[in-house]
Structure formats: C-alpha cells, structure tokens
PDB file of N, CA and C in Angstrom:
ATOM      1  N   MET A   1     -16.301 -29.869  11.350  1.00  0.00           N
ATOM      2  CA  MET A   1     -15.192 -30.120  10.406  1.00  0.00           C
ATOM      3  C   MET A   1     -14.671 -28.862   9.807  1.00  0.00           C
ATOM      4  N   ALA A   2     -13.386 -28.772   9.607  1.00  0.00           N
ATOM      5  CA  ALA A   2     -12.769 -27.519   9.015  1.00  0.00           C
ATOM      6  C   ALA A   2     -13.031 -27.694   7.467  1.00  0.00           C
ATOM      7  N   LYS A   3     -13.057 -26.367   6.920  1.00  0.00           N
ATOM      8  CA  LYS A   3     -13.105 -26.420   5.487  1.00  0.00           C
ATOM      9  C   LYS A   3     -11.840 -26.732   4.746  1.00  0.00           C
ATOM     10  N   LYS A   4     -11.908 -27.281   3.630  1.00  0.00           N
ATOM     11  CA  LYS A   4     -10.736 -27.563   2.943  1.00  0.00           C
ATOM     12  C   LYS A   4     -10.227 -26.329   2.209  1.00  0.00           C
ATOM     13  N   GLN A   5      -8.948 -26.156   2.212  1.00  0.00           N
ATOM     14  CA  GLN A   5      -8.421 -24.885   1.546  1.00  0.00           C
ATOM     15  C   GLN A   5      -8.020 -25.353   0.111  1.00  0.00           C
ATOM     16  N   SER A   6      -8.485 -24.498  -0.815  1.00  0.00           N
ATOM     17  CA  SER A   6      -8.255 -24.800  -2.248  1.00  0.00           C
ATOM     18  C   SER A   6      -6.965 -24.063  -2.637  1.00  0.00           C
ATOM     19  N   PHE A   7      -6.145 -24.746  -3.418  1.00  0.00           N
ATOM     20  CA  PHE A   7      -4.955 -24.259  -4.011  1.00  0.00           C
ATOM     21  C   PHE A   7      -4.929 -24.095  -5.375  1.00  0.00           C
ATOM     22  N   GLY A   8      -6.022 -23.697  -6.011  1.00  0.00           N
ATOM     23  CA  GLY A   8      -6.256 -23.633  -7.427  1.00  0.00           C
ATOM     24  C   GLY A   8      -5.539 -22.408  -7.958  1.00  0.00           C
ATOM     25  N   ASP A   9      -5.562 -22.192  -9.223  1.00  0.00           N
ATOM     26  CA  ASP A   9      -4.906 -21.016  -9.912  1.00  0.00           C
ATOM     27  C   ASP A   9      -5.432 -19.686  -9.439  1.00  0.00           C
ATOM     28  N   LYS A  10      -6.741 -19.695  -9.135  1.00  0.00           N
ATOM     29  CA  LYS A  10      -7.286 -18.433  -8.622  1.00  0.00           C
ATOM     30  C   LYS A  10      -6.676 -17.926  -7.262  1.00  0.00           C
ATOM     31  N   VAL A  11      -6.500 -18.952  -6.401  1.00  0.00           N
ATOM     32  CA  VAL A  11      -5.937 -18.659  -5.027  1.00  0.00           C
ATOM     33  C   VAL A  11      -4.458 -18.238  -5.252  1.00  0.00           C
ATOM     34  N   LEU A  12      -3.754 -18.955  -6.043  1.00  0.00           N
ATOM     35  CA  LEU A  12      -2.305 -18.540  -6.244  1.00  0.00           C
ATOM     36  C   LEU A  12      -2.165 -17.237  -6.874  1.00  0.00           C
ATOM     37  N   ARG A  13      -2.985 -16.812  -7.798  1.00  0.00           N
ATOM     38  CA  ARG A  13      -3.029 -15.516  -8.469  1.00  0.00           C
ATOM     39  C   ARG A  13      -3.322 -14.456  -7.349  1.00  0.00           C
ATOM     40  N   GLN A  14      -4.234 -14.707  -6.433  1.00  0.00           N
ATOM     41  CA  GLN A  14      -4.497 -13.722  -5.420  1.00  0.00           C
ATOM     42  C   GLN A  14      -3.316 -13.491  -4.408  1.00  0.00           C
ATOM     43  N   LYS A  15      -2.683 -14.659  -4.110  1.00  0.00           N
ATOM     44  CA  LYS A  15      -1.492 -14.512  -3.347  1.00  0.00           C
ATOM     45  C   LYS A  15      -0.391 -13.734  -3.994  1.00  0.00           C
ATOM     46  N   ALA A  16      -0.235 -13.940  -5.358  1.00  0.00           N
ATOM     47  CA  ALA A  16       0.848 -13.194  -6.101  1.00  0.00           C
ATOM     48  C   ALA A  16       0.554 -11.683  -6.082  1.00  0.00           C
ATOM     49  N   GLU A  17      -0.642 -11.337  -6.291  1.00  0.00           N
ATOM     50  CA  GLU A  17      -1.045  -9.977  -6.335  1.00  0.00           C
ATOM     51  C   GLU A  17      -0.898  -9.293  -4.973  1.00  0.00           C
ATOM     52  N   ALA A  18      -1.228  -9.987  -3.925  1.00  0.00           N
ATOM     53  CA  ALA A  18      -0.981  -9.487  -2.582  1.00  0.00           C
ATOM     54  C   ALA A  18       0.436  -9.119  -2.304  1.00  0.00           C
ATOM     55  N   LYS A  19       1.400  -9.855  -2.926  1.00  0.00           N
ATOM     56  CA  LYS A  19       2.849  -9.690  -2.698  1.00  0.00           C
ATOM     57  C   LYS A  19       3.330  -8.434  -3.450  1.00  0.00           C
ATOM     58  N   LYS A  20       2.559  -7.913  -4.363  1.00  0.00           N
ATOM     59  CA  LYS A  20       2.955  -6.831  -5.249  1.00  0.00           C
ATOM     60  C   LYS A  20       2.439  -5.544  -4.789  1.00  0.00           C
ATOM     61  N   MET A  21       2.218  -5.413  -3.478  1.00  0.00           N
ATOM     62  CA  MET A  21       1.751  -4.183  -2.806  1.00  0.00           C
ATOM     63  C   MET A  21       2.881  -3.652  -1.969  1.00  0.00           C
ATOM     64  N   ALA A  22       2.952  -2.303  -1.869  1.00  0.00           N
ATOM     65  CA  ALA A  22       3.890  -1.587  -1.075  1.00  0.00           C
ATOM     66  C   ALA A  22       3.228  -0.666  -0.124  1.00  0.00           C
ATOM     67  N   LYS A  23       3.663  -0.462   1.058  1.00  0.00           N
ATOM     68  CA  LYS A  23       3.016   0.468   1.991  1.00  0.00           C
ATOM     69  C   LYS A  23       3.825   1.808   1.996  1.00  0.00           C
ATOM     70  N   VAL A  24       3.103   2.818   1.660  1.00  0.00           N
ATOM     71  CA  VAL A  24       3.648   4.101   1.566  1.00  0.00           C
ATOM     72  C   VAL A  24       3.313   4.912   2.769  1.00  0.00           C
ATOM     73  N   VAL A  25       4.200   5.550   3.427  1.00  0.00           N
ATOM     74  CA  VAL A  25       3.991   6.275   4.712  1.00  0.00           C
ATOM     75  C   VAL A  25       4.383   7.794   4.336  1.00  0.00           C
ATOM     76  N   LEU A  26       3.423   8.691   4.487  1.00  0.00           N
ATOM     77  CA  LEU A  26       3.614  10.087   4.218  1.00  0.00           C
ATOM     78  C   LEU A  26       3.481  10.894   5.442  1.00  0.00           C
ATOM     79  N   ALA A  27       4.467  11.769   5.560  1.00  0.00           N
ATOM     80  CA  ALA A  27       4.599  12.618   6.819  1.00  0.00           C
ATOM     81  C   ALA A  27       4.090  14.007   6.401  1.00  0.00           C
ATOM     82  N   GLU A  28       3.338  14.587   7.285  1.00  0.00           N
ATOM     83  CA  GLU A  28       2.909  16.074   7.010  1.00  0.00           C
ATOM     84  C   GLU A  28       3.118  16.862   8.293  1.00  0.00           C
ATOM     85  N   LYS A  29       3.615  18.068   8.153  1.00  0.00           N
ATOM     86  CA  LYS A  29       3.937  18.944   9.289  1.00  0.00           C
ATOM     87  C   LYS A  29       2.642  19.699   9.527  1.00  0.00           C
ATOM     88  N   LYS A  30       2.224  19.702  10.718  1.00  0.00           N
ATOM     89  CA  LYS A  30       1.000  20.504  11.137  1.00  0.00           C
ATOM     90  C   LYS A  30       1.376  21.910  11.493  1.00  0.00           C
ATOM     91  N   THR A  31       0.435  22.733  11.597  1.00  0.00           N
ATOM     92  CA  THR A  31       0.643  24.199  11.896  1.00  0.00           C
ATOM     93  C   THR A  31       1.268  24.372  13.218  1.00  0.00           C
ATOM     94  N   ASN A  32       1.007  23.492  14.234  1.00  0.00           N
ATOM     95  CA  ASN A  32       1.584  23.580  15.508  1.00  0.00           C
ATOM     96  C   ASN A  32       3.058  23.006  15.661  1.00  0.00           C
ATOM     97  N   GLY A  33       3.628  22.547  14.513  1.00  0.00           N
ATOM     98  CA  GLY A  33       4.922  22.004  14.487  1.00  0.00           C
ATOM     99  C   GLY A  33       5.080  20.580  14.662  1.00  0.00           C
ATOM    100  N   GLN A  34       4.014  19.846  14.922  1.00  0.00           N
ATOM    101  CA  GLN A  34       3.987  18.380  15.127  1.00  0.00           C
ATOM    102  C   GLN A  34       3.793  17.700  13.721  1.00  0.00           C
ATOM    103  N   TYR A  35       4.200  16.493  13.661  1.00  0.00           N
ATOM    104  CA  TYR A  35       4.151  15.746  12.437  1.00  0.00           C
ATOM    105  C   TYR A  35       2.993  14.727  12.557  1.00  0.00           C
ATOM    106  N   SER A  36       2.204  14.621  11.394  1.00  0.00           N
ATOM    107  CA  SER A  36       1.207  13.516  11.363  1.00  0.00           C
ATOM    108  C   SER A  36       1.570  12.536  10.180  1.00  0.00           C
ATOM    109  N   PHE A  37       1.267  11.276  10.401  1.00  0.00           N
ATOM    110  CA  PHE A  37       1.634  10.358   9.417  1.00  0.00           C
ATOM    111  C   PHE A  37       0.459   9.622   8.878  1.00  0.00           C
ATOM    112  N   ARG A  38       0.386   9.449   7.530  1.00  0.00           N
ATOM    113  CA  ARG A  38      -0.636   8.692   6.855  1.00  0.00           C
ATOM    114  C   ARG A  38       0.096   7.591   6.117  1.00  0.00           C
ATOM    115  N   HIS A  39      -0.666   6.437   6.085  1.00  0.00           N
ATOM    116  CA  HIS A  39      -0.096   5.249   5.326  1.00  0.00           C
ATOM    117  C   HIS A  39      -1.191   4.696   4.443  1.00  0.00           C
ATOM    118  N   LYS A  40      -0.762   4.177   3.373  1.00  0.00           N
ATOM    119  CA  LYS A  40      -1.739   3.460   2.502  1.00  0.00           C
ATOM    120  C   LYS A  40      -0.971   2.330   1.665  1.00  0.00           C
ATOM    121  N   MET A  41      -1.748   1.387   1.224  1.00  0.00           N
ATOM    122  CA  MET A  41      -1.218   0.344   0.396  1.00  0.00           C
ATOM    123  C   MET A  41      -1.383   0.697  -0.978  1.00  0.00           C
ATOM    124  N   VAL A  42      -0.248   0.596  -1.743  1.00  0.00           N
ATOM    125  CA  VAL A  42      -0.189   0.913  -3.235  1.00  0.00           C
ATOM    126  C   VAL A  42       0.444  -0.132  -4.001  1.00  0.00           C
ATOM    127  N   HIS A  43      -0.116  -0.267  -5.267  1.00  0.00           N
ATOM    128  CA  HIS A  43       0.503  -1.353  -6.089  1.00  0.00           C
ATOM    129  C   HIS A  43       1.900  -0.922  -6.482  1.00  0.00           C
ATOM    130  N   VAL A  44       2.869  -1.866  -6.533  1.00  0.00           N
ATOM    131  CA  VAL A  44       4.277  -1.575  -6.775  1.00  0.00           C
ATOM    132  C   VAL A  44       4.471  -0.733  -8.006  1.00  0.00           C
ATOM    133  N   ASP A  45       3.657  -0.879  -9.061  1.00  0.00           N
ATOM    134  CA  ASP A  45       3.853  -0.090 -10.289  1.00  0.00           C
ATOM    135  C   ASP A  45       3.459   1.305 -10.040  1.00  0.00           C
ATOM    136  N   ASN A  46       2.695   1.689  -9.052  1.00  0.00           N
ATOM    137  CA  ASN A  46       2.097   3.063  -8.923  1.00  0.00           C
ATOM    138  C   ASN A  46       2.927   3.791  -7.789  1.00  0.00           C
ATOM    139  N   VAL A  47       4.015   3.187  -7.100  1.00  0.00           N
ATOM    140  CA  VAL A  47       4.706   3.846  -6.042  1.00  0.00           C
ATOM    141  C   VAL A  47       5.279   5.151  -6.485  1.00  0.00           C
ATOM    142  N   GLN A  48       5.923   5.210  -7.605  1.00  0.00           N
ATOM    143  CA  GLN A  48       6.688   6.461  -7.992  1.00  0.00           C
ATOM    144  C   GLN A  48       5.618   7.510  -8.253  1.00  0.00           C
ATOM    145  N   ASP A  49       4.543   7.205  -8.791  1.00  0.00           N
ATOM    146  CA  ASP A  49       3.402   8.187  -9.028  1.00  0.00           C
ATOM    147  C   ASP A  49       2.896   8.712  -7.742  1.00  0.00           C
ATOM    148  N   GLU A  50       2.640   7.852  -6.793  1.00  0.00           N
ATOM    149  CA  GLU A  50       2.265   8.324  -5.423  1.00  0.00           C
ATOM    150  C   GLU A  50       3.244   9.207  -4.742  1.00  0.00           C
ATOM    151  N   LEU A  51       4.544   8.919  -4.800  1.00  0.00           N
ATOM    152  CA  LEU A  51       5.504   9.834  -4.253  1.00  0.00           C
ATOM    153  C   LEU A  51       5.558  11.133  -4.936  1.00  0.00           C
ATOM    154  N   LYS A  52       5.506  11.242  -6.349  1.00  0.00           N
ATOM    155  CA  LYS A  52       5.489  12.454  -6.971  1.00  0.00           C
ATOM    156  C   LYS A  52       4.241  13.291  -6.540  1.00  0.00           C
ATOM    157  N   GLU A  53       3.102  12.675  -6.408  1.00  0.00           N
ATOM    158  CA  GLU A  53       1.903  13.346  -6.043  1.00  0.00           C
ATOM    159  C   GLU A  53       2.049  13.913  -4.647  1.00  0.00           C
ATOM    160  N   ALA A  54       2.668  13.163  -3.764  1.00  0.00           N
ATOM    161  CA  ALA A  54       2.883  13.607  -2.353  1.00  0.00           C
ATOM    162  C   ALA A  54       3.834  14.846  -2.295  1.00  0.00           C
ATOM    163  N   LYS A  55       4.811  14.747  -3.092  1.00  0.00           N
ATOM    164  CA  LYS A  55       5.757  15.916  -3.159  1.00  0.00           C
ATOM    165  C   LYS A  55       5.060  17.247  -3.674  1.00  0.00           C
ATOM    166  N   THR A  56       4.158  17.030  -4.619  1.00  0.00           N
ATOM    167  CA  THR A  56       3.497  18.328  -5.123  1.00  0.00           C
ATOM    168  C   THR A  56       2.536  18.873  -4.163  1.00  0.00           C
ATOM    169  N   LYS A  57       2.083  18.133  -3.158  1.00  0.00           N
ATOM    170  CA  LYS A  57       1.114  18.626  -2.170  1.00  0.00           C
ATOM    171  C   LYS A  57       1.851  19.440  -1.124  1.00  0.00           C
ATOM    172  N   LEU A  58       3.118  19.295  -0.973  1.00  0.00           N
ATOM    173  CA  LEU A  58       3.970  20.057  -0.009  1.00  0.00           C
ATOM    174  C   LEU A  58       3.964  21.452  -0.441  1.00  0.00           C
TER     175      LEU A  58
END
C-alpha cells in the first residue's frame, strides 16, 4: 500500500519556503579565455547580497 500524503501546516510551510528560492548562475573567465559557470540556490532575500559579493570577486 502507498503511504498517505499529509497536507498539514508543516508541509504547506515547507512548500512555501521552497518557492522562495532563486537560482543564481555566476560566470567566471578562466586564464585560457574560456568561461566556467557555477550555480547555487539562494533565498530570495539574499539574492542582492550574493550578486554584490560576486562582483567584488571579479
């Protein structure tokens, strides 16, 4: 038998938190002229901070 799926407050909160994530893709130029890309999931409130941090690394 299949497990029953619960739709309690806890599950709904987790779904709402998952929707508040943004994927940030950062490009870096290597010494040989090619580009490498990194990506990570960031909370929506921290996106601007991550972008500022990435710009300072250049």
